[in-house]
Amino acid sequence: MPVISSHKPYRVGRSKTGLGLFATKPIRKGTRIVRYFGPILDCRIKAQDDIENKYLFELNGRWTIDGSVRKNVARYINHSCRPNAESDVRPRERKVYIRAIKNIEPGEEINYDYGTDYFKAYLKPIGCKCEACEKKRKKLRAEARAEKTKAKARAERKARKSVTQAGAKPAGAKKRLNGKHVIGKANGRGRT
């Protein structure tokens, strides 16, 4: 597994959802990008179990990393339902690495899937703001607008049809007289 050189291939920057981690150099698939670190908490200790922050990374049923420390730049990696990185959890070593699962280009935001528990607790109530979900919502809104336009057009056609069937002639219809079209009347007689 390739490991990145001492020059960091990422930077913290403004994202659609706040702060995010962005690639500054090309990152190849399989490359270890950054380590997620912080104090290790023992979940069996009641006082540590009551810690409430969004940067807790569960290693297993017993150990959790509190990633809220400022030096942990991996905490800036945002969630995505279609990520370009993933977490490589090593419970025996009590370490977590974020590694690329796709080639990442410079300027691209680094993201990974936070998992079902985090998603249900924090993201679902406010709506996921990842790029994949935003595209999906945009597509659904466009489809809804198109369907509304089609329904309006159908209603207008139906209204015109019902007026025509009621005996009223639509505007611009030509009259027929003995099988000949009548354009207008002159002196009470039809012109042909």
Protein backbone atom coordinates (compact mmCIF):
# COMPACT_ATOMS: atom_id res chain seq x y z
CA MET A 1 0.00 0.00 0.00
CA PRO A 2 1.58 3.32 -1.04
CA VAL A 3 2.20 5.84 1.71
CA ILE A 4 2.24 9.57 1.01
CA SER A 5 5.54 11.48 1.30
CA SER A 6 6.20 14.12 3.97
CA HIS A 7 4.59 16.87 1.84
CA LYS A 8 0.93 16.71 2.69
CA PRO A 9 -1.28 16.17 -0.37
CA TYR A 10 -4.25 17.88 1.26
CA ARG A 11 -5.43 21.14 2.74
CA VAL A 12 -8.36 22.23 4.89
CA GLY A 13 -10.70 24.52 2.97
CA ARG A 14 -14.25 25.80 2.59
CA SER A 15 -16.78 23.18 1.53
CA LYS A 16 -20.53 23.28 0.82
CA THR A 17 -21.11 21.80 4.27
CA GLY A 18 -18.56 23.89 6.22
CA LEU A 19 -14.89 22.96 6.30
CA GLY A 20 -13.54 20.04 4.31
CA LEU A 21 -10.29 18.34 3.33
CA PHE A 22 -9.18 18.86 -0.28
CA ALA A 23 -6.46 17.20 -2.33
CA THR A 24 -3.55 19.45 -3.36
CA LYS A 25 -1.78 16.73 -5.37
CA PRO A 26 -3.05 13.70 -7.28
CA ILE A 27 -3.76 10.83 -4.87
CA ARG A 28 -3.72 7.33 -6.32
CA LYS A 29 -6.26 4.68 -5.46
CA GLY A 30 -5.12 2.63 -2.44
CA THR A 31 -2.95 5.42 -0.99
CA ARG A 32 -3.12 6.05 2.74
CA ILE A 33 -4.05 9.74 2.99
CA VAL A 34 -4.20 10.62 6.68
CA ARG A 35 -4.57 9.04 10.12
CA TYR A 36 -7.66 9.72 12.22
CA PHE A 37 -6.35 10.15 15.75
CA GLY A 38 -7.09 11.45 19.23
CA PRO A 39 -7.41 10.17 22.78
CA ILE A 40 -8.54 6.54 23.02
CA LEU A 41 -11.67 6.15 25.14
CA ASP A 42 -12.69 2.98 26.95
CA CYS A 43 -16.45 2.67 26.50
CA ARG A 44 -16.71 0.54 29.66
CA ILE A 45 -15.94 3.60 31.80
CA LYS A 46 -19.23 5.43 32.40
CA ALA A 47 -17.71 8.96 32.47
CA GLN A 48 -16.17 8.46 29.03
CA ASP A 49 -19.38 6.94 27.70
CA ASP A 50 -21.17 10.26 28.33
CA ILE A 51 -18.86 12.25 26.01
CA GLU A 52 -21.01 13.73 23.29
CA ASN A 53 -19.35 15.09 20.15
CA LYS A 54 -19.51 14.37 16.44
CA TYR A 55 -15.85 13.33 16.16
CA LEU A 56 -16.07 10.00 17.97
CA PHE A 57 -14.82 7.11 15.83
CA GLU A 58 -15.73 3.68 17.17
CA LEU A 59 -12.99 1.09 16.73
CA ASN A 60 -15.01 -1.76 18.25
CA GLY A 61 -17.45 -2.33 21.12
CA ARG A 62 -14.84 -1.27 23.68
CA TRP A 63 -12.54 1.38 22.15
CA THR A 64 -13.44 4.73 20.58
CA ILE A 65 -11.20 7.51 19.26
CA ASP A 66 -12.12 11.06 20.29
CA GLY A 67 -11.04 12.90 17.14
CA SER A 68 -12.04 16.36 18.32
CA VAL A 69 -8.40 17.42 18.90
CA ARG A 70 -7.39 20.27 16.59
CA LYS A 71 -4.32 18.51 15.17
CA ASN A 72 -6.55 15.74 13.79
CA VAL A 73 -7.09 17.11 10.26
CA ALA A 74 -8.91 13.89 9.32
CA ARG A 75 -11.88 15.23 11.29
CA TYR A 76 -12.46 17.72 8.44
CA ILE A 77 -13.20 14.93 5.96
CA ASN A 78 -16.90 15.15 5.16
CA HIS A 79 -19.43 12.39 4.59
CA SER A 80 -20.44 11.26 1.12
CA CYS A 81 -22.85 8.55 0.03
CA ARG A 82 -20.53 8.01 -2.97
CA PRO A 83 -17.10 8.51 -1.40
CA ASN A 84 -13.61 8.59 -2.90
CA ALA A 85 -11.99 7.31 0.32
CA GLU A 86 -12.73 4.88 3.13
CA SER A 87 -11.67 4.25 6.69
CA ASP A 88 -9.15 1.49 7.33
CA VAL A 89 -9.89 0.52 10.94
CA ARG A 90 -7.21 -1.37 12.89
CA PRO A 91 -8.74 -2.17 16.31
CA ARG A 92 -5.76 -4.14 17.63
CA GLU A 93 -3.45 -1.21 16.94
CA ARG A 94 -6.19 1.24 17.96
CA LYS A 95 -5.62 3.22 14.75
CA VAL A 96 -7.72 4.41 11.84
CA TYR A 97 -6.34 5.48 8.48
CA ILE A 98 -8.27 7.13 5.66
CA ARG A 99 -7.25 5.72 2.30
CA ALA A 100 -8.29 6.47 -1.26
CA ILE A 101 -10.63 4.03 -3.01
CA LYS A 102 -10.54 6.06 -6.24
CA ASN A 103 -7.96 8.29 -7.88
CA ILE A 104 -8.41 11.78 -6.41
CA GLU A 105 -7.47 14.85 -8.45
CA PRO A 106 -6.05 18.12 -7.05
CA GLY A 107 -8.86 20.41 -5.84
CA GLU A 108 -11.25 17.49 -5.31
CA GLU A 109 -12.76 17.12 -1.84
CA ILE A 110 -11.76 13.99 0.08
CA ASN A 111 -14.76 12.22 1.62
CA TYR A 112 -15.88 8.88 3.02
CA ASP A 113 -19.08 7.21 4.22
CA TYR A 114 -19.56 7.81 7.95
CA GLY A 115 -21.71 4.70 8.38
CA THR A 116 -25.33 3.96 9.16
CA ASP A 117 -25.37 4.91 12.87
CA TYR A 118 -23.87 8.37 12.31
CA PHE A 119 -26.06 8.92 9.23
CA LYS A 120 -29.27 8.12 11.15
CA ALA A 121 -28.28 10.17 14.21
CA TYR A 122 -26.90 13.33 12.59
CA LEU A 123 -27.41 13.49 8.81
CA LYS A 124 -30.84 12.04 8.11
CA PRO A 125 -32.73 14.54 10.33
CA ILE A 126 -31.28 17.51 8.42
CA GLY A 127 -30.88 15.82 5.03
CA CYS A 128 -27.60 14.60 3.58
CA LYS A 129 -25.75 17.41 1.81
CA CYS A 130 -23.21 15.30 -0.07
CA GLU A 131 -22.80 15.86 -3.80
CA ALA A 132 -24.53 12.59 -4.75
CA CYS A 133 -27.62 13.39 -2.66
CA GLU A 134 -27.71 17.00 -3.92
CA LYS A 135 -27.68 15.73 -7.53
CA LYS A 136 -30.43 13.24 -6.71
CA ARG A 137 -32.61 15.97 -5.12
CA LYS A 138 -31.96 18.30 -8.06
CA LYS A 139 -33.00 15.57 -10.53
CA LEU A 140 -36.17 14.81 -8.52
CA ARG A 141 -37.11 18.53 -8.44
CA ALA A 142 -36.60 18.78 -12.22
CA GLU A 143 -38.74 15.67 -12.79
CA ALA A 144 -41.46 17.10 -10.52
CA ARG A 145 -41.45 20.41 -12.47
CA ALA A 146 -41.66 18.51 -15.78
CA GLU A 147 -44.55 16.38 -14.49
CA LYS A 148 -46.36 19.50 -13.27
CA THR A 149 -45.95 21.11 -16.70
CA LYS A 150 -47.27 17.96 -18.42
CA ALA A 151 -50.26 17.82 -16.06
CA LYS A 152 -51.06 21.47 -16.76
CA ALA A 153 -50.87 20.88 -20.53
CA ARG A 154 -53.16 17.81 -20.22
CA ALA A 155 -55.68 19.84 -18.20
CA GLU A 156 -55.69 22.61 -20.84
CA ARG A 157 -56.23 20.08 -23.67
CA LYS A 158 -59.04 18.45 -21.73
CA ALA A 159 -60.69 21.84 -21.11
CA ARG A 160 -60.48 22.73 -24.84
CA LYS A 161 -61.89 19.32 -25.79
CA SER A 162 -64.84 19.64 -23.39
CA VAL A 163 -65.66 23.12 -24.76
CA THR A 164 -65.58 21.74 -28.32
CA GLN A 165 -67.78 18.77 -27.42
CA ALA A 166 -70.33 21.08 -25.74
CA GLY A 167 -71.18 22.55 -29.12
CA ALA A 168 -69.20 25.73 -29.09
CA LYS A 169 -66.89 26.09 -32.00
CA PRO A 170 -63.32 26.93 -31.19
CA ALA A 171 -62.05 30.32 -32.35
CA GLY A 172 -60.84 30.38 -35.97
CA ALA A 173 -63.04 27.46 -37.10
CA LYS A 174 -64.44 27.72 -40.64
CA LYS A 175 -68.14 27.36 -41.36
CA ARG A 176 -69.42 24.93 -44.03
CA LEU A 177 -72.35 25.65 -46.31
CA ASN A 178 -73.47 22.90 -48.65
CA GLY A 179 -70.05 21.31 -48.57
CA LYS A 180 -68.24 24.57 -49.46
CA HIS A 181 -66.15 26.68 -47.12
CA VAL A 182 -67.60 30.07 -46.39
CA ILE A 183 -65.03 32.75 -45.72
CA GLY A 184 -67.38 35.64 -45.09
CA LYS A 185 -70.78 37.08 -46.05
CA ALA A 186 -71.44 39.76 -48.66
CA ASN A 187 -74.95 41.14 -49.02
CA GLY A 188 -76.43 38.18 -47.19
CA ARG A 189 -74.92 35.66 -49.54
CA GLY A 190 -71.98 33.42 -48.92
CA ARG A 191 -68.85 33.90 -51.00
CA THR A 192 -66.98 30.89 -52.16
